């Protein structure tokens, strides 16, 4: 099955002055313009291409890669606004439309917005929506505390930051558990802290429980190795300095160096910690 708005591997059917026509199976033949034809495509007889509609609503295939594909959430910039809606730059010659009905508030040229890419079933055109709730929490989840997940930061609230979990669910990072700054559209690794009775997901950027000390310990060891086996940090170092050096809280830093000391992997000097050779 050929997916509009995704990368597909398609077989070359025939060549014309305009380019290669590829076998789109149920979608019919799809033109790959001549400028994308390479010697490799000629010899192989197939190509990995992104399929979308051009300005005349014809299906075309391109080897250019967009900034996001159908099924993705992306932080994209508005390049123009018309009577049809807002148009976003997604890295292809034809800009991506966000119809007015898919905007939470009127979009402004020059600003960036978090959107979801989908295919309009009637027109077969790729479009985007800023109404993210329609595309999240539509499937049950089976997360366990400590599970590693991929996050996209969506917005800051009084409590912390809302985030999209694994491209499927809403989650929350709480400010009192954060030790680094975050920005809208940022993609970052995170962990499940707790799934509440109402199925809401609480997140962390550090692995919860005692397991996280091992990962943090390794980070400290790596930093020590890069600094010739010594760093001028200790229990007396400020939380801000610890966060700047390692991206962790002072509490977790103290746990980690305590663990490393017990394993005789570091020693404490009067002015810092030293790697045991």
Protein backbone atom coordinates (compact mmCIF):
# COMPACT_ATOMS: atom_id res chain seq x y z
CA UNK A 1 0.00 0.00 0.00
CA UNK A 2 1.37 3.42 -0.99
CA UNK A 3 1.07 6.06 1.72
CA UNK A 4 0.57 9.69 0.78
CA UNK A 5 2.72 11.91 2.95
CA UNK A 6 5.27 9.21 3.73
CA UNK A 7 8.40 7.77 2.12
CA UNK A 8 7.63 4.80 -0.13
CA UNK A 9 9.81 2.44 -2.15
CA UNK A 10 8.28 2.47 -5.66
CA UNK A 11 9.19 0.67 -8.87
CA UNK A 12 9.90 2.55 -12.10
CA UNK A 13 7.25 1.78 -14.73
CA UNK A 14 8.22 4.00 -17.66
CA UNK A 15 10.18 7.08 -18.69
CA UNK A 16 8.89 10.21 -20.43
CA UNK A 17 10.25 13.67 -21.17
CA UNK A 18 8.87 14.80 -17.79
CA UNK A 19 10.60 12.08 -15.79
CA UNK A 20 9.96 8.58 -14.47
CA UNK A 21 6.49 7.25 -13.74
CA UNK A 22 6.44 5.03 -10.66
CA UNK A 23 4.03 2.24 -9.79
CA UNK A 24 1.68 3.71 -7.17
CA UNK A 25 -0.36 0.49 -7.10
CA UNK A 26 -3.89 1.50 -6.02
CA UNK A 27 -3.06 5.17 -6.61
CA UNK A 28 -2.00 4.63 -10.22
CA UNK A 29 1.21 5.87 -11.78
CA UNK A 30 3.03 8.67 -9.93
CA UNK A 31 5.41 11.09 -11.65
CA UNK A 32 8.92 11.51 -10.33
CA UNK A 33 10.19 14.70 -12.07
CA UNK A 34 13.35 14.36 -14.12
CA UNK A 35 15.44 16.52 -11.76
CA UNK A 36 15.25 13.78 -9.13
CA UNK A 37 16.42 10.97 -11.42
CA UNK A 38 19.88 9.66 -10.57
CA UNK A 39 22.10 6.99 -12.12
CA UNK A 40 21.36 4.85 -9.08
CA UNK A 41 17.60 5.03 -9.68
CA UNK A 42 18.14 4.15 -13.35
CA UNK A 43 20.22 1.10 -12.51
CA UNK A 44 18.05 -0.13 -9.65
CA UNK A 45 14.69 0.44 -11.30
CA UNK A 46 13.16 1.71 -8.07
CA UNK A 47 13.39 4.72 -5.75
CA UNK A 48 12.71 5.76 -2.16
CA UNK A 49 10.43 8.79 -2.58
CA UNK A 50 8.14 11.05 -0.60
CA UNK A 51 4.65 11.13 -2.15
CA UNK A 52 2.45 14.24 -1.99
CA UNK A 53 0.24 16.42 -4.21
CA UNK A 54 1.60 19.34 -6.23
CA UNK A 55 0.00 22.77 -6.75
CA UNK A 56 -2.40 21.22 -9.27
CA UNK A 57 -3.39 18.38 -6.89
CA UNK A 58 -1.51 15.75 -8.90
CA UNK A 59 0.38 13.05 -7.02
CA UNK A 60 4.13 13.50 -7.38
CA UNK A 61 7.17 11.73 -5.97
CA UNK A 62 10.27 13.51 -4.72
CA UNK A 63 13.58 12.50 -3.21
CA UNK A 64 13.50 15.70 -1.13
CA UNK A 65 12.74 15.10 2.54
CA UNK A 66 10.18 17.34 4.29
CA UNK A 67 10.65 18.59 7.84
CA UNK A 68 7.77 16.36 8.93
CA UNK A 69 5.56 13.64 7.46
CA UNK A 70 1.96 12.54 7.85
CA UNK A 71 1.41 11.24 11.37
CA UNK A 72 4.10 13.51 12.83
CA UNK A 73 3.83 16.42 15.23
CA UNK A 74 6.08 19.29 14.18
CA UNK A 75 6.93 22.88 15.13
CA UNK A 76 6.66 24.80 11.85
CA UNK A 77 6.78 28.45 10.80
CA UNK A 78 3.93 30.33 9.07
CA UNK A 79 5.19 31.85 5.80
CA UNK A 80 1.89 33.33 4.60
CA UNK A 81 -1.81 33.64 5.40
CA UNK A 82 -4.60 33.64 2.80
CA UNK A 83 -8.38 33.26 2.61
CA UNK A 84 -7.86 29.47 2.78
CA UNK A 85 -5.81 29.45 5.97
CA UNK A 86 -2.16 29.62 7.03
CA UNK A 87 0.70 28.14 5.03
CA UNK A 88 3.67 26.57 6.79
CA UNK A 89 7.23 25.98 5.63
CA UNK A 90 7.82 22.23 5.80
CA UNK A 91 10.86 22.05 3.55
CA UNK A 92 9.13 21.41 0.20
CA UNK A 93 8.33 23.82 -2.67
CA UNK A 94 4.59 23.61 -1.98
CA UNK A 95 3.83 25.03 1.48
CA UNK A 96 1.66 23.11 3.97
CA UNK A 97 -1.86 24.40 4.59
CA UNK A 98 -3.51 24.74 8.00
CA UNK A 99 -7.19 25.44 7.19
CA UNK A 100 -8.92 27.96 9.44
CA UNK A 101 -11.09 25.19 10.88
CA UNK A 102 -7.91 23.44 12.09
CA UNK A 103 -6.51 26.49 13.91
CA UNK A 104 -7.02 27.00 17.65
CA UNK A 105 -6.56 30.74 17.12
CA UNK A 106 -5.76 32.77 14.02
CA UNK A 107 -2.19 32.01 13.00
CA UNK A 108 0.21 34.88 12.39
CA UNK A 109 2.81 35.10 9.64
CA UNK A 110 6.35 34.72 10.98
CA UNK A 111 5.35 32.76 14.07
CA UNK A 112 5.86 29.02 14.59
CA UNK A 113 3.19 26.59 15.77
CA UNK A 114 2.99 22.99 16.85
CA UNK A 115 0.84 21.03 14.40
CA UNK A 116 -0.12 17.50 13.41
CA UNK A 117 0.14 16.41 9.75
CA UNK A 118 -2.69 14.38 8.21
CA UNK A 119 -4.23 13.49 4.84
CA UNK A 120 -7.63 14.99 4.00
CA UNK A 121 -9.63 11.91 3.01
CA UNK A 122 -11.78 13.80 0.49
CA UNK A 123 -9.11 15.75 -1.39
CA UNK A 124 -6.09 13.45 -0.73
CA UNK A 125 -4.17 16.63 0.14
CA UNK A 126 -1.74 16.76 3.04
CA UNK A 127 -2.78 19.35 5.63
CA UNK A 128 -1.93 20.26 9.21
CA UNK A 129 -3.94 20.91 12.36
CA UNK A 130 -3.14 22.87 15.51
CA UNK A 131 -5.98 21.12 17.35
CA UNK A 132 -3.72 18.47 18.85
CA UNK A 133 -6.25 16.94 21.24
CA UNK A 134 -8.00 15.26 18.29
CA UNK A 135 -4.90 13.17 17.59
CA UNK A 136 -3.79 12.20 21.10
CA UNK A 137 -4.99 9.76 23.77
CA UNK A 138 -7.04 7.87 21.20
CA UNK A 139 -5.44 4.52 22.09
CA UNK A 140 -4.94 2.89 25.50
CA UNK A 141 -1.43 2.92 26.95
CA UNK A 142 0.41 0.38 29.06
CA UNK A 143 3.27 2.44 30.44
CA UNK A 144 5.09 1.38 33.59
CA UNK A 145 7.13 3.63 35.93
CA UNK A 146 10.67 3.85 34.63
CA UNK A 147 9.77 3.22 30.97
CA UNK A 148 11.89 5.29 28.59
CA UNK A 149 9.81 7.41 26.19
CA UNK A 150 10.33 10.06 23.53
CA UNK A 151 8.88 13.48 24.32
CA UNK A 152 8.00 16.62 22.40
CA UNK A 153 7.47 19.73 24.52
CA UNK A 154 4.24 21.51 23.53
CA UNK A 155 3.63 24.34 25.99
CA UNK A 156 4.50 25.74 29.40
CA UNK A 157 1.79 25.88 32.08
CA UNK A 158 1.66 26.98 35.71
CA UNK A 159 2.47 23.41 36.75
CA UNK A 160 5.23 22.71 34.26
CA UNK A 161 5.38 21.58 30.65
CA UNK A 162 2.88 19.57 28.64
CA UNK A 163 4.54 17.01 26.41
CA UNK A 164 3.55 14.53 23.73
CA UNK A 165 4.60 11.00 24.74
CA UNK A 166 5.75 8.64 21.97
CA UNK A 167 3.70 10.61 19.41
CA UNK A 168 0.49 9.21 20.96
CA UNK A 169 -0.37 10.52 24.42
CA UNK A 170 -0.34 13.61 26.62
CA UNK A 171 1.99 13.81 29.62
CA UNK A 172 3.21 16.41 32.12
CA UNK A 173 6.65 17.42 33.36
CA UNK A 174 6.40 19.28 36.68
CA UNK A 175 8.52 22.38 37.30
CA UNK A 176 9.61 21.30 40.77
CA UNK A 177 11.21 18.19 39.22
CA UNK A 178 13.03 19.94 36.37
CA UNK A 179 16.64 21.03 36.42
CA UNK A 180 17.00 22.36 32.90
CA UNK A 181 15.18 24.80 30.64
CA UNK A 182 12.84 23.51 27.93
CA UNK A 183 11.33 25.07 24.80
CA UNK A 184 8.26 24.50 22.66
CA UNK A 185 8.84 21.93 19.94
CA UNK A 186 11.91 20.49 21.69
CA UNK A 187 12.37 16.72 21.36
CA UNK A 188 13.92 15.01 24.34
CA UNK A 189 14.19 11.62 26.02
CA UNK A 190 12.12 11.15 29.16
CA UNK A 191 10.74 8.55 31.56
CA UNK A 192 7.37 7.56 32.95
CA UNK A 193 7.17 8.59 36.59
CA UNK A 194 3.58 7.58 37.32
CA UNK A 195 0.32 6.74 35.56
CA UNK A 196 -2.48 8.17 37.71
CA UNK A 197 -5.89 6.63 38.35
CA UNK A 198 -7.40 8.92 35.69
CA UNK A 199 -4.77 7.62 33.18
CA UNK A 200 -2.93 10.96 33.16
CA UNK A 201 0.82 10.51 32.76
CA UNK A 202 3.44 12.13 34.99
CA UNK A 203 6.89 12.39 33.42
CA UNK A 204 10.50 12.85 34.44
CA UNK A 205 13.67 13.67 32.52
CA UNK A 206 15.71 11.46 34.83
CA UNK A 207 14.97 7.78 35.37
CA UNK A 208 12.93 7.40 38.58
CA UNK A 209 14.01 5.37 41.57
CA UNK A 210 17.44 4.00 42.41
CA UNK A 211 18.06 2.80 38.84
CA UNK A 212 18.72 6.35 37.70
CA UNK A 213 21.86 6.58 39.82
CA UNK A 214 23.66 4.12 37.50
CA UNK A 215 22.99 6.22 34.41
CA UNK A 216 23.99 9.42 36.21
CA UNK A 217 27.10 7.72 37.62
CA UNK A 218 28.18 6.81 34.12
CA UNK A 219 27.68 10.41 33.02
CA UNK A 220 29.92 11.61 35.85
CA UNK A 221 32.57 9.01 34.94
CA UNK A 222 32.46 10.14 31.31
CA UNK A 223 32.95 13.77 32.35
CA UNK A 224 35.85 12.81 34.60
CA UNK A 225 37.54 10.96 31.75
CA UNK A 226 37.17 13.99 29.49
CA UNK A 227 38.73 16.18 32.21
CA UNK A 228 41.86 14.06 32.80
CA UNK A 229 40.34 12.24 35.76
CA UNK A 230 39.58 15.21 38.00
CA UNK A 231 36.75 17.71 38.48
CA UNK A 232 36.51 20.48 41.06
CA UNK A 233 33.03 19.51 42.29
CA UNK A 234 31.91 18.24 45.69
CA UNK A 235 29.04 18.22 48.19
CA UNK A 236 29.62 21.94 48.59
CA UNK A 237 29.18 22.77 44.89
CA UNK A 238 26.04 24.81 44.19
CA UNK A 239 22.98 23.12 42.64
CA UNK A 240 23.21 25.56 39.72
CA UNK A 241 26.80 24.52 38.95
CA UNK A 242 25.90 20.81 39.21
CA UNK A 243 23.04 21.31 36.77
CA UNK A 244 25.26 23.28 34.37
CA UNK A 245 27.94 20.55 34.39
CA UNK A 246 25.83 17.41 34.39
CA UNK A 247 22.20 18.45 33.74
CA UNK A 248 21.04 16.79 36.98
CA UNK A 249 19.90 17.81 40.48
CA UNK A 250 22.36 18.10 43.34
CA UNK A 251 20.45 15.37 45.20
CA UNK A 252 21.04 12.88 42.39
CA UNK A 253 24.65 14.05 42.04
CA UNK A 254 25.33 13.26 45.71
CA UNK A 255 23.72 9.82 45.35
CA UNK A 256 25.80 9.08 42.28
CA UNK A 257 29.18 10.09 43.68
CA UNK A 258 28.37 8.18 46.87
CA UNK A 259 27.70 5.08 44.79
CA UNK A 260 30.90 5.57 42.78
CA UNK A 261 32.93 6.03 45.98
CA UNK A 262 31.53 2.80 47.49
CA UNK A 263 32.52 0.97 44.31
CA UNK A 264 36.01 2.47 44.65
CA UNK A 265 35.76 4.11 41.25
CA UNK A 266 36.43 7.65 42.54
CA UNK A 267 38.13 9.29 45.51
CA UNK A 268 37.32 12.52 47.28
CA UNK A 269 40.00 15.19 47.33
CA UNK A 270 39.83 18.39 49.34
CA UNK A 271 38.90 20.34 46.22
CA UNK A 272 36.99 17.83 44.09
CA UNK A 273 36.55 14.23 42.93
CA UNK A 274 39.18 12.10 41.21
CA UNK A 275 38.90 9.02 39.02
CA UNK A 276 40.63 5.93 40.41
CA UNK A 277 43.14 4.65 37.85
